[in-house]
Amino acid sequence: MRVGLGRTEFPTLSASRYSIFGNAYRDFMPNAEFSESWVWSGLAAVVVLATMTLGCTSGAQNPQAAGPPAMPVKVVQAHPVPIKDTGEYVATMKSRDSTVVMPQVEGQITEIFVHSGDRVQSGRALIEIDPLKQQATVKSQESARAAQEASLSLAKVQYNRTKSLFDAGVVSRQDLDQAKSTLDAAQAQMDSLDAQVKEQEVQLHYFKVLAPRGGIVGDVPVRVGDRVTTSTQLTTIDQPGSLEVYVYVPVERSRQLRMNMPVQVLDSNGNVVADSRVSFISPQVDNSTQTVLVKAKVANGNDALRQLQFVRARVVFGSHENPEVPILAVSRLAGQYFAFVAEPQNGGSFVARQRALKIGQTVGNNFEVQDGLKPGDKVIVSGTQFLLDGAPVIPQS
C-alpha cells in the first residue's frame, strides 16, 4: 500500500516502524492526531533543513568563495641606495674683502665726496670732518715750537761763551756745567714740541676720511652737518668676489666635523647655489648658543650671494646605505610611520601586510627607511587608502 502526500508518494511503513515513529510523535505532541502521511512529511522537512545547513557550512569553510577579489596595486622594490648623512643650518655670508669705514676723530661733517655704488681707489677722499679746531691746535703747537727754537738758540750761544771763558780760566767748572744743563733742557723741550706738532699734524689728516682700499662704496648713512664720533659707521668699501659662509653647528654634532668636509649653500627653494669645503673649525663653543663655528670659502663669481646675507648651509658629515620609499606610500598614525608591503603566499598569490617603519631623513620625494624594510620587499605605492592588513593584492611594477 502507498500513501500520497500532495504530489509526493511515500512507501508504506511497516507496523513496527509506524509504531516507533508514531510513539515518538505522541511524545512531542500528545494531543495531535497523526497518520502515516504526517510522519513522512516531518521526515522530509528534516532532510531539507539538514541539506540547507550543510550547504551553508560548506560555503563558510571556503574562504575563496566568500573573500573579496584581489586588488591590483603598483609596487616598487626596496633596495639600498647611498644616502648622505647631512645637516642643514642657518648660516651667514661674510667677506674678508669688505671694510667698514669709521672716523678716527670726532666732529661735524662738512663735505661728502662720494655716493653709494661709486668705485674708488685706495687713498681717495670720502668724507671731510670740520678741521678748523684741529688746524688751530696745529698752529698753536707750531708757534710754541718756534718760541722754543729761539730759546734753544740762546742756550747754545750761552754755552759756547761759557766754554770759552772756562778754557781761559775766567769761569769755574760749575758755570760751565750750568750752561750745559740749560742747553740740554732747551734741546729736550724742542724735541718734545717737534713730536707734538707732528702728532697734531697727523691728527689733522684724520679729518679727511680716505678710502683704506679700492672697491665699491656701500651705503652712506650720514649727511653733511651730522656730528660723528669714532664709533660712527660712515660707509663700507667692498670688493666683489669670494665670500666665506659662517655655519653654526650644534655641539652635539661637533665630533663629526672634519676639515675639508663638503658644504653646500642652498637658496630658499633648497637648490644648491655653491659648493665648498670646510676650511676652519673653531676650537671653542659659543657659550650663548652652544654651537661650533665652521667656515668655508665660497666662490661668488656671478654675485648671487651678498655680504651678511642669511642662507641655509648643508654640511655633509658622511654617507651610508638604506632603502628609500616614496613619501606618498607612507602613512602616519599616533606618531608611528607605516607602509604596506605585498607579501607572497603559497600558490603565487600576494597579500598586503602593514609594516611599522623607522623613518630617517627626507631625500627629495622619498623617505629614508632605517628599519622595517629589507632589500627585495615590494612596497605598495597606490591605493593604500583602500587596503587592509591581509587583503589580497595583485602587484604591478
Protein backbone atom coordinates (compact mmCIF):
# COMPACT_ATOMS: atom_id res chain seq x y z
CA MET A 1 0.00 0.00 0.00
CA ARG A 2 1.32 3.56 -0.85
CA VAL A 3 0.09 6.79 0.71
CA GLY A 4 0.06 10.04 -1.36
CA LEU A 5 1.00 13.42 0.21
CA GLY A 6 0.40 16.13 -2.35
CA ARG A 7 2.46 15.02 -5.34
CA THR A 8 4.92 13.05 -3.23
CA GLU A 9 4.41 9.38 -2.65
CA PHE A 10 5.86 7.66 0.37
CA PRO A 11 6.24 3.93 0.82
CA THR A 12 4.02 2.22 3.33
CA LEU A 13 5.56 1.87 6.78
CA SER A 14 5.66 -1.48 8.38
CA ALA A 15 3.82 -1.90 11.62
CA SER A 16 6.93 -1.87 13.74
CA ARG A 17 8.32 1.31 12.05
CA TYR A 18 4.94 3.04 12.19
CA SER A 19 4.78 2.26 15.84
CA ILE A 20 8.20 3.71 16.52
CA PHE A 21 7.58 7.00 14.67
CA GLY A 22 4.07 7.24 16.00
CA ASN A 23 5.16 6.85 19.61
CA ALA A 24 7.90 9.45 19.15
CA TYR A 25 5.40 11.89 17.62
CA ARG A 26 2.99 11.36 20.53
CA ASP A 27 5.78 12.19 22.99
CA PHE A 28 6.21 15.64 21.38
CA MET A 29 2.54 16.31 20.51
CA PRO A 30 0.30 14.15 22.72
CA ASN A 31 -2.98 15.91 21.73
CA ALA A 32 -2.42 15.82 17.95
CA GLU A 33 -3.96 13.39 15.56
CA PHE A 34 -1.45 11.74 13.29
CA SER A 35 -1.22 9.36 10.46
CA GLU A 36 1.47 7.74 8.39
CA SER A 37 1.49 10.66 5.91
CA TRP A 38 2.23 13.12 8.72
CA VAL A 39 5.24 11.08 9.74
CA TRP A 40 6.69 11.13 6.26
CA SER A 41 6.07 14.89 5.95
CA GLY A 42 8.13 15.51 9.11
CA LEU A 43 10.98 13.36 7.83
CA ALA A 44 11.04 15.32 4.56
CA ALA A 45 11.27 18.66 6.37
CA VAL A 46 14.14 17.37 8.48
CA VAL A 47 16.01 16.23 5.36
CA VAL A 48 15.56 19.63 3.63
CA LEU A 49 16.71 21.52 6.72
CA ALA A 50 19.81 19.34 7.07
CA THR A 51 20.68 19.86 3.39
CA MET A 52 20.47 23.66 3.73
CA THR A 53 22.60 23.59 6.90
CA LEU A 54 25.29 21.52 5.24
CA GLY A 55 25.33 23.87 2.24
CA CYS A 56 25.83 26.95 4.42
CA THR A 57 28.57 25.28 6.43
CA SER A 58 30.38 24.26 3.28
CA GLY A 59 30.26 27.85 1.99
CA ALA A 60 31.68 29.28 5.24
CA GLN A 61 34.62 26.90 5.16
CA ASN A 62 35.70 28.08 1.67
CA PRO A 63 37.46 31.44 2.01
CA GLN A 64 37.90 31.84 -1.73
CA ALA A 65 34.16 31.71 -2.22
CA ALA A 66 33.43 34.36 0.48
CA GLY A 67 36.58 36.61 0.38
CA PRO A 68 36.97 39.86 -1.69
CA PRO A 69 38.71 39.78 -5.06
CA ALA A 70 42.43 40.64 -5.29
CA MET A 71 43.12 44.35 -5.86
CA PRO A 72 45.71 45.44 -8.46
CA VAL A 73 48.32 47.72 -6.87
CA LYS A 74 51.54 49.36 -8.05
CA VAL A 75 54.69 48.38 -6.15
CA VAL A 76 58.32 49.44 -6.04
CA GLN A 77 61.07 47.15 -4.91
CA ALA A 78 63.07 48.30 -1.91
CA HIS A 79 66.83 48.29 -2.40
CA PRO A 80 69.69 50.06 -0.58
CA VAL A 81 70.78 53.37 -2.06
CA PRO A 82 73.62 55.68 -0.96
CA ILE A 83 72.26 58.36 1.39
CA LYS A 84 74.29 61.33 2.59
CA ASP A 85 74.33 61.99 6.32
CA THR A 86 73.71 65.73 6.28
CA GLY A 87 72.59 68.57 8.49
CA GLU A 88 71.09 71.89 7.41
CA TYR A 89 71.71 75.05 9.44
CA VAL A 90 71.17 78.79 9.16
CA ALA A 91 74.40 80.46 8.06
CA THR A 92 75.73 83.94 7.28
CA MET A 93 77.76 85.07 4.29
CA LYS A 94 80.71 87.28 5.17
CA SER A 95 83.51 88.78 3.10
CA ARG A 96 87.14 89.21 4.02
CA ASP A 97 87.31 91.84 1.27
CA SER A 98 84.82 94.17 2.94
CA THR A 99 85.93 97.15 5.04
CA VAL A 100 83.83 99.23 7.41
CA VAL A 101 84.88 102.87 7.29
CA MET A 102 84.73 104.71 10.63
CA PRO A 103 86.28 108.09 11.56
CA GLN A 104 89.26 108.33 13.87
CA VAL A 105 88.24 111.76 15.16
CA GLU A 106 85.09 113.46 16.35
CA GLY A 107 83.45 116.39 14.65
CA GLN A 108 80.85 117.68 12.22
CA ILE A 109 80.74 116.51 8.60
CA THR A 110 81.37 119.38 6.20
CA GLU A 111 81.56 117.54 2.88
CA ILE A 112 80.90 114.11 1.33
CA PHE A 113 82.89 113.39 -1.83
CA VAL A 114 81.34 110.05 -2.96
CA HIS A 115 77.98 108.36 -3.48
CA SER A 116 76.83 104.82 -2.79
CA GLY A 117 77.93 102.48 -5.56
CA ASP A 118 80.94 104.53 -6.65
CA ARG A 119 84.13 102.64 -7.43
CA VAL A 120 87.11 104.22 -5.65
CA GLN A 121 90.82 103.67 -5.46
CA SER A 122 92.80 103.33 -2.27
CA GLY A 123 93.53 106.73 -0.69
CA ARG A 124 90.68 108.64 -2.31
CA ALA A 125 88.92 111.21 -0.08
CA LEU A 126 85.48 110.04 1.01
CA ILE A 127 84.27 112.44 3.71
CA GLU A 128 85.63 115.56 5.37
CA ILE A 129 85.07 116.46 9.02
CA ASP A 130 85.34 120.09 10.11
CA PRO A 131 89.13 120.58 10.66
CA LEU A 132 89.15 124.21 11.89
CA LYS A 133 89.68 123.41 15.54
CA GLN A 134 92.47 121.00 14.77
CA GLN A 135 94.12 123.43 12.41
CA ALA A 136 94.16 125.99 15.24
CA THR A 137 95.74 123.43 17.53
CA VAL A 138 98.46 122.69 15.00
CA LYS A 139 99.19 126.38 14.54
CA SER A 140 99.44 126.83 18.31
CA GLN A 141 101.89 123.95 18.58
CA GLU A 142 103.98 125.33 15.73
CA SER A 143 104.15 128.72 17.48
CA ALA A 144 105.29 127.09 20.71
CA ARG A 145 107.94 125.22 18.77
CA ALA A 146 109.19 128.45 17.20
CA ALA A 147 109.49 130.06 20.64
CA GLN A 148 111.35 127.07 21.96
CA GLU A 149 113.61 127.12 18.94
CA ALA A 150 114.64 130.68 19.89
CA SER A 151 115.28 129.60 23.46
CA LEU A 152 117.39 126.72 22.20
CA SER A 153 119.48 129.06 20.06
CA LEU A 154 120.12 131.32 23.08
CA ALA A 155 121.11 128.34 25.23
CA LYS A 156 123.62 127.26 22.59
CA VAL A 157 125.18 130.72 22.45
CA GLN A 158 125.47 130.94 26.23
CA TYR A 159 127.04 127.50 26.43
CA ASN A 160 129.64 128.34 23.79
CA ARG A 161 130.52 131.63 25.53
CA THR A 162 130.83 129.91 28.95
CA LYS A 163 133.04 127.20 27.48
CA SER A 164 135.40 129.81 26.02
CA LEU A 165 135.65 131.57 29.35
CA PHE A 166 136.22 128.29 31.14
CA ASP A 167 139.04 127.44 28.74
CA ALA A 168 140.57 130.86 29.53
CA GLY A 169 140.25 130.21 33.25
CA VAL A 170 137.80 133.05 33.82
CA VAL A 171 134.80 130.97 34.99
CA SER A 172 134.58 127.87 37.09
CA ARG A 173 133.59 124.34 36.15
CA GLN A 174 130.24 124.90 37.87
CA ASP A 175 129.34 127.73 35.49
CA LEU A 176 130.17 125.52 32.53
CA ASP A 177 128.02 122.70 33.86
CA GLN A 178 125.14 125.08 34.45
CA ALA A 179 125.31 126.34 30.85
CA LYS A 180 125.40 122.73 29.58
CA SER A 181 122.35 121.79 31.62
CA THR A 182 120.37 124.76 30.29
CA LEU A 183 121.28 123.80 26.73
CA ASP A 184 120.22 120.16 27.24
CA ALA A 185 116.88 121.21 28.76
CA ALA A 186 116.17 123.55 25.86
CA GLN A 187 117.01 120.79 23.36
CA ALA A 188 114.71 118.30 25.13
CA GLN A 189 111.88 120.81 25.17
CA MET A 190 112.44 121.41 21.47
CA ASP A 191 112.27 117.68 20.71
CA SER A 192 109.04 117.39 22.70
CA LEU A 193 107.42 120.25 20.81
CA ASP A 194 108.53 118.73 17.50
CA ALA A 195 106.78 115.49 18.44
CA GLN A 196 103.61 117.31 19.49
CA VAL A 197 103.47 119.27 16.26
CA LYS A 198 103.85 116.07 14.23
CA GLU A 199 101.13 114.39 16.28
CA GLN A 200 98.69 117.22 15.72
CA GLU A 201 99.51 117.32 12.01
CA VAL A 202 98.77 113.59 11.74
CA GLN A 203 95.57 114.14 13.67
CA LEU A 204 94.66 116.87 11.23
CA HIS A 205 94.89 114.38 8.34
CA TYR A 206 92.23 112.20 10.03
CA PHE A 207 89.64 114.94 9.49
CA LYS A 208 89.63 113.96 5.83
CA VAL A 209 88.48 110.30 5.70
CA LEU A 210 90.28 108.37 2.95
CA ALA A 211 89.42 105.04 1.32
CA PRO A 212 91.51 102.34 3.04
CA ARG A 213 91.35 100.14 -0.07
CA GLY A 214 89.91 100.08 -3.55
CA GLY A 215 86.40 98.80 -4.14
CA ILE A 216 82.74 99.76 -4.28
CA VAL A 217 81.31 102.30 -1.85
CA GLY A 218 78.41 100.91 0.15
CA ASP A 219 75.58 102.76 1.82
CA VAL A 220 76.45 106.21 3.20
CA PRO A 221 74.07 106.66 6.16
CA VAL A 222 75.49 110.06 7.27
CA ARG A 223 74.73 113.51 5.88
CA VAL A 224 76.51 116.87 5.79
CA GLY A 225 76.07 118.53 9.15
CA ASP A 226 75.90 115.29 11.16
CA ARG A 227 78.17 115.05 14.17
CA VAL A 228 80.13 111.82 14.21
CA THR A 229 82.27 110.04 16.77
CA THR A 230 84.88 107.35 16.48
CA SER A 231 82.12 104.69 16.75
CA THR A 232 80.01 106.07 13.86
CA GLN A 233 79.93 103.97 10.68
CA LEU A 234 80.39 106.23 7.68
CA THR A 235 80.23 103.68 4.86
CA THR A 236 81.76 100.41 3.62
CA ILE A 237 84.21 99.54 0.86
CA ASP A 238 83.52 96.14 -0.73
CA GLN A 239 85.41 94.17 -3.31
CA PRO A 240 83.25 91.70 -5.29
CA GLY A 241 84.49 88.15 -5.29
CA SER A 242 84.93 85.33 -2.82
CA LEU A 243 82.93 85.12 0.41
CA GLU A 244 83.00 82.91 3.48
CA VAL A 245 79.99 81.08 4.86
CA TYR A 246 79.76 81.05 8.65
CA VAL A 247 77.91 77.91 9.78
CA TYR A 248 76.99 77.35 13.41
CA VAL A 249 76.83 73.58 14.03
CA PRO A 250 75.22 72.27 17.26
CA VAL A 251 77.75 70.98 19.73
CA GLU A 252 76.12 67.51 19.62
CA ARG A 253 77.47 67.02 16.10
CA SER A 254 80.81 68.71 16.63
CA ARG A 255 82.60 65.35 16.96
CA GLN A 256 81.69 64.55 13.36
CA LEU A 257 83.26 67.72 12.00
CA ARG A 258 86.39 67.28 9.90
CA MET A 259 88.47 69.62 7.79
CA ASN A 260 87.67 69.55 4.06
CA MET A 261 84.14 68.18 4.62
CA PRO A 262 81.66 69.14 1.84
CA VAL A 263 79.47 72.18 2.50
CA GLN A 264 76.62 73.26 0.21
CA VAL A 265 74.99 76.69 0.19
CA LEU A 266 71.24 76.47 -0.57
CA ASP A 267 68.72 79.01 -1.75
CA SER A 268 65.17 79.42 -0.39
CA ASN A 269 63.94 76.55 -2.63
CA GLY A 270 66.60 74.12 -1.46
CA ASN A 271 68.64 74.32 -4.65
CA VAL A 272 72.43 74.24 -4.37
CA VAL A 273 73.88 77.70 -5.09
CA ALA A 274 77.53 76.96 -4.30
CA ASP A 275 79.69 74.01 -3.27
CA SER A 276 82.61 74.34 -0.88
CA ARG A 277 84.56 72.53 1.82
CA VAL A 278 85.24 73.22 5.47
CA SER A 279 88.31 75.44 5.87
CA PHE A 280 88.04 76.31 9.57
CA ILE A 281 86.60 74.65 12.68
CA SER A 282 86.52 76.73 15.83
CA PRO A 283 88.22 75.11 18.83
CA GLN A 284 85.72 76.83 21.13
CA VAL A 285 81.99 76.53 21.73
CA ASP A 286 79.78 79.62 21.69
CA ASN A 287 78.58 79.88 25.28
CA SER A 288 75.28 81.56 24.40
CA THR A 289 74.19 79.25 21.55
CA GLN A 290 76.17 76.05 22.31
CA THR A 291 77.31 75.86 18.71
CA VAL A 292 80.65 75.46 16.96
CA LEU A 293 81.62 77.93 14.23
CA VAL A 294 82.55 76.34 10.89
CA LYS A 295 83.79 78.38 7.93
CA ALA A 296 84.01 77.53 4.24
CA LYS A 297 85.20 79.69 1.36
CA VAL A 298 82.65 80.27 -1.39
CA ALA A 299 83.45 81.49 -4.90
CA ASN A 300 80.92 84.15 -5.85
CA GLY A 301 81.76 84.86 -9.43
CA ASN A 302 78.14 85.50 -10.50
CA ASP A 303 77.41 87.74 -7.49
CA ALA A 304 74.49 85.51 -6.47
CA LEU A 305 75.37 85.98 -2.79
CA ARG A 306 75.80 89.12 -0.75
CA GLN A 307 77.77 90.23 2.27
CA LEU A 308 75.91 89.50 5.56
CA GLN A 309 73.22 87.51 3.71
CA PHE A 310 71.42 84.76 5.65
CA VAL A 311 71.45 81.42 3.83
CA ARG A 312 70.88 77.73 4.50
CA ALA A 313 74.03 75.63 4.59
CA ARG A 314 74.12 71.84 4.29
CA VAL A 315 77.07 70.08 5.92
CA VAL A 316 77.73 66.56 4.59
CA PHE A 317 79.05 64.51 7.52
CA GLY A 318 79.30 61.20 5.60
CA SER A 319 77.19 58.65 3.70
CA HIS A 320 75.52 55.28 4.31
CA GLU A 321 73.12 52.91 2.53
CA ASN A 322 69.44 52.42 3.43
CA PRO A 323 66.23 51.70 1.46
CA GLU A 324 64.06 54.58 0.28
CA VAL A 325 60.26 54.66 -0.15
CA PRO A 326 58.07 57.34 -1.76
CA ILE A 327 56.52 59.73 0.74
CA LEU A 328 53.04 59.02 -0.67
CA ALA A 329 53.38 55.33 0.23
CA VAL A 330 53.90 56.10 3.93
CA SER A 331 51.11 56.83 6.42
CA ARG A 332 51.42 58.08 9.98
CA LEU A 333 49.29 57.03 12.92
CA ALA A 334 49.89 58.17 16.54
CA GLY A 335 53.42 59.24 15.69
CA GLN A 336 54.32 55.88 14.06
CA TYR A 337 55.01 55.50 10.33
CA PHE A 338 53.54 52.59 8.34
CA ALA A 339 53.67 51.22 4.80
CA PHE A 340 52.02 48.28 3.02
CA VAL A 341 54.19 45.52 1.56
CA ALA A 342 52.98 42.86 -0.90
CA GLU A 343 53.95 39.53 0.71
CA PRO A 344 53.93 36.34 -1.39
CA GLN A 345 51.71 33.43 -0.31
CA ASN A 346 51.52 29.76 -1.26
CA GLY A 347 50.26 29.33 -4.78
CA GLY A 348 51.78 32.52 -6.13
CA SER A 349 49.24 34.94 -4.63
CA PHE A 350 50.05 38.11 -2.64
CA VAL A 351 48.51 39.82 0.36
CA ALA A 352 49.08 43.33 1.74
CA ARG A 353 50.91 43.45 5.08
CA GLN A 354 51.27 46.64 7.08
CA ARG A 355 54.84 47.28 8.29
CA ALA A 356 55.94 49.70 11.01
CA LEU A 357 58.84 51.83 9.74
CA LYS A 358 61.59 53.87 11.35
CA ILE A 359 61.99 56.92 9.15
CA GLY A 360 65.24 58.83 8.72
CA GLN A 361 65.81 61.97 6.67
CA THR A 362 63.83 63.14 3.67
CA VAL A 363 65.65 62.73 0.34
CA GLY A 364 63.78 64.54 -2.42
CA ASN A 365 60.31 62.92 -2.64
CA ASN A 366 61.37 59.84 -0.67
CA PHE A 367 61.79 58.83 2.95
CA GLU A 368 64.90 57.06 4.18
CA VAL A 369 63.87 53.85 5.97
CA GLN A 370 66.21 52.98 8.81
CA ASP A 371 64.22 49.94 10.00
CA GLY A 372 61.14 47.96 8.89
CA LEU A 373 62.11 47.03 5.32
CA LYS A 374 64.62 44.66 3.83
CA PRO A 375 66.04 44.57 0.30
CA GLY A 376 63.62 43.00 -2.15
CA ASP A 377 60.39 43.94 -0.35
CA LYS A 378 57.62 45.06 -2.68
CA VAL A 379 56.32 48.33 -1.26
CA ILE A 380 52.77 49.22 -2.33
CA VAL A 381 52.58 52.79 -3.65
CA SER A 382 48.99 53.01 -4.95
CA GLY A 383 45.57 52.50 -3.42
CA THR A 384 46.96 52.32 0.12
CA GLN A 385 43.93 54.17 1.48
CA PHE A 386 41.70 51.24 0.46
CA LEU A 387 43.91 48.45 1.82
CA LEU A 388 43.56 46.44 4.98
CA ASP A 389 46.16 44.19 6.54
CA GLY A 390 45.88 40.76 4.88
CA ALA A 391 43.89 41.93 1.85
CA PRO A 392 44.72 40.03 -1.38
CA VAL A 393 46.55 42.12 -3.97
CA ILE A 394 48.00 41.78 -7.44
CA PRO A 395 51.41 43.54 -7.60
CA GLN A 396 52.20 45.54 -10.72
CA SER A 397 55.54 47.14 -11.38
